[in-house]
Protein backbone atom coordinates (compact mmCIF):
# COMPACT_ATOMS: atom_id res chain seq x y z
CA MET A 1 47.87 116.12 72.84
CA GLY A 2 46.89 119.83 73.75
CA LEU A 3 48.50 122.30 75.93
CA PHE A 4 46.01 121.97 79.00
CA GLU A 5 47.02 118.37 79.27
CA TRP A 6 50.79 118.59 79.49
CA VAL A 7 50.18 121.61 81.82
CA MET A 8 48.20 118.59 83.87
CA ILE A 9 51.01 116.11 83.75
CA LEU A 10 53.61 118.45 84.83
CA GLY A 11 51.07 119.90 87.67
CA SER A 12 50.84 115.94 88.92
CA ALA A 13 54.55 115.56 88.83
CA THR A 14 56.34 115.57 92.32
CA LEU A 15 59.43 116.95 92.72
CA PRO A 16 62.49 115.49 94.84
CA ASP A 17 62.30 117.37 98.05
CA LEU A 18 65.44 117.94 100.21
CA GLY A 19 65.70 115.07 101.67
CA GLU A 20 65.25 113.07 98.70
CA VAL A 21 68.45 115.17 96.89
CA GLU A 22 70.33 114.66 100.59
CA SER A 23 70.05 111.34 100.20
CA TRP A 24 71.05 111.10 96.76
CA ALA A 25 74.25 113.30 97.23
CA LEU A 26 75.61 111.01 100.41
CA ASN A 27 74.88 108.55 97.78
CA ILE A 28 77.14 109.78 95.26
CA VAL A 29 79.59 110.45 97.60
CA THR A 30 79.70 107.05 99.59
CA GLN A 31 80.20 105.86 96.30
CA ALA A 32 82.96 107.87 95.09
CA ILE A 33 84.77 106.65 98.66
CA THR A 34 84.15 103.06 97.39
CA LEU A 35 85.52 103.79 94.34
CA ILE A 36 89.08 105.60 95.69
CA VAL A 37 88.99 102.21 97.93
CA VAL A 38 88.99 100.00 95.50
CA PHE A 39 91.22 101.61 93.22
CA LEU A 40 93.60 101.96 96.43
CA VAL A 41 93.38 98.32 97.73
CA THR A 42 93.87 97.05 94.20
CA LYS A 43 96.74 99.31 93.88
CA HIS A 44 98.31 97.61 96.94
CA LEU A 45 97.29 94.54 96.76
CA ALA A 46 99.77 94.24 93.57
CA LYS A 47 102.23 95.34 95.58
CA PHE A 48 101.37 93.16 98.07
CA ARG A 49 101.48 95.86 100.86
CA VAL A 50 99.38 94.80 103.69
CA GLY A 51 99.43 97.02 105.88
CA ALA A 52 98.46 99.91 103.08
CA VAL A 53 95.37 97.90 102.12
CA VAL A 54 94.28 98.06 105.66
CA SER A 55 95.39 101.43 106.56
CA ALA A 56 92.84 102.22 103.53
CA CYS A 57 90.36 100.34 104.81
CA ILE A 58 89.67 102.02 107.87
CA PHE A 59 89.97 105.39 106.37
CA ALA A 60 87.77 104.68 104.05
CA GLY A 61 85.43 103.57 106.81
CA ALA A 62 86.01 106.83 109.16
CA VAL A 63 85.35 108.97 106.03
CA THR A 64 82.12 107.29 105.37
CA PHE A 65 80.76 107.12 108.91
CA VAL A 66 81.53 111.23 108.98
CA VAL A 67 80.21 111.76 105.71
CA GLN A 68 76.63 110.06 106.78
CA ASN A 69 76.88 111.47 110.23
CA TRP A 70 77.46 115.02 109.83
CA ASP A 71 75.55 116.07 112.64
CA GLN A 72 76.66 113.86 114.84
CA VAL A 73 80.44 114.38 114.53
CA THR A 74 79.37 118.41 114.35
CA ASP A 75 78.40 117.43 117.92
CA TRP A 76 81.21 116.08 119.33
CA ILE A 77 83.42 118.77 117.80
CA GLU A 78 81.69 121.69 119.50
CA ALA A 79 81.48 119.66 122.20
CA LEU A 80 84.87 118.71 122.24
CA ILE A 81 85.56 122.55 121.30
CA ASP A 82 83.09 123.72 124.69
CA LEU A 83 85.56 121.58 126.75
CA LEU A 84 88.63 123.23 126.16
């Protein structure tokens, strides 16, 4: 292959836009939260601490909601600050 063919291949390739990169970042953060919660749940299950398992799951759900709905949460915080 010559230089012209490589230029044509690279020119036709599509790079990810900002929305796709943001989606990848959200997936990575969500997977990291999942791994941390799985670790905490197994650690607390080994010690038979049911309350700690439930609280870890609730905390993980809240953090995941905040990460996936960041715009909505910031709107809620702004509304609360304006209210005060």
